Protein backbone atom coordinates (compact mmCIF):
# COMPACT_ATOMS: atom_id res chain seq x y z
CA MET A 1 -16.59 -4.37 0.33
CA GLU A 2 -14.75 -7.63 -0.25
CA LEU A 3 -13.83 -8.29 -3.88
CA GLY A 4 -12.24 -11.69 -3.32
CA LEU A 5 -9.33 -10.96 -5.66
CA SER A 6 -6.02 -12.78 -5.61
CA GLN A 7 -2.77 -10.83 -5.49
CA GLU A 8 -2.25 -11.60 -9.15
CA GLN A 9 -5.72 -10.31 -10.05
CA VAL A 10 -5.18 -7.07 -8.12
CA ALA A 11 -1.79 -6.57 -9.77
CA LEU A 12 -3.27 -7.18 -13.22
CA ARG A 13 -6.17 -4.79 -12.58
CA ALA A 14 -3.74 -2.14 -11.30
CA ASP A 15 -1.25 -2.79 -14.12
CA ILE A 16 1.65 -3.35 -11.73
CA ASP A 17 4.06 -6.24 -11.29
CA ARG A 18 2.70 -9.01 -9.04
CA ASN A 19 5.95 -9.23 -7.06
CA HIS A 20 5.86 -5.48 -6.48
CA TYR A 21 2.28 -5.75 -5.23
CA GLN A 22 3.23 -8.62 -2.90
CA LEU A 23 5.99 -6.49 -1.41
CA MET A 24 3.64 -3.54 -0.94
CA GLU A 25 1.09 -5.79 0.71
CA SER A 26 3.74 -7.01 3.15
CA ALA A 27 4.93 -3.38 3.66
CA ARG A 28 8.46 -4.03 2.42
CA SER A 29 10.39 -2.29 -0.32
CA ASP A 30 12.36 -5.39 -1.28
CA ARG A 31 12.88 -8.97 -0.17
CA ARG A 32 16.37 -8.40 1.26
CA SER A 33 15.68 -5.51 3.60
CA ASN A 34 13.16 -4.52 6.19
CA ARG A 35 12.79 -1.02 4.79
CA ALA A 36 9.23 0.21 4.70
CA VAL A 37 7.50 0.36 1.37
CA ASN A 38 7.09 3.81 -0.16
CA PRO A 39 4.92 3.50 -3.28
CA ARG A 40 4.45 6.38 -5.67
CA PHE A 41 1.15 8.21 -5.47
CA PHE A 42 0.23 7.15 -9.01
CA THR A 43 0.70 3.50 -7.96
CA LEU A 44 -1.64 4.09 -5.02
CA LEU A 45 -4.20 5.59 -7.38
CA LYS A 46 -3.99 2.55 -9.64
CA LEU A 47 -4.36 0.21 -6.66
CA ALA A 48 -7.34 2.13 -5.31
CA ASN A 49 -8.99 1.92 -8.71
CA ALA A 50 -8.26 -1.82 -8.96
CA LEU A 51 -9.71 -2.37 -5.48
CA GLU A 52 -12.70 -0.12 -6.20
CA MET A 53 -12.05 2.17 -3.24
CA PRO A 54 -11.00 5.77 -2.68
CA VAL A 55 -7.26 6.25 -2.32
CA GLU A 56 -7.92 7.74 1.12
CA GLU A 57 -8.87 4.28 2.37
CA LEU A 58 -5.44 2.99 1.39
CA LEU A 59 -3.74 5.88 3.18
CA HIS A 60 -5.86 5.95 6.34
CA PRO A 61 -3.91 3.28 8.30
CA ILE A 62 -0.65 4.97 7.34
CA SER A 63 -1.80 8.41 8.43
CA ARG A 64 -3.11 7.02 11.73
CA SER A 65 0.23 5.29 12.42
CA TYR A 66 2.20 8.40 11.45
CA ARG A 67 0.04 10.59 13.70
CA PHE A 68 0.65 8.16 16.59
CA GLN A 69 4.42 8.29 16.02
CA VAL A 70 4.39 12.10 15.92
CA GLU A 71 2.40 12.24 19.16
CA ARG A 72 4.97 9.97 20.81
CA GLY A 73 7.80 12.17 19.53
CA GLU A 74 9.21 9.47 17.25
CA MET A 75 8.75 11.42 14.01
CA LEU A 76 10.20 14.90 14.26
């Protein structure tokens, strides 16, 4: 389902800072580093609610990538 929301609208609906949401969307923890984003579970719940989807849908791409890395021996 496509809601057609802007980043600002999603951030407002989730009650999080727009800049923080932009960083999460680009998978970065801050603008100066390339560290991967690691949001708190409560933040993911708020985002899922704002996007009208189960939190599992937000986590699915991450779990698939993690599983691939484990299978390749990169995450031990």
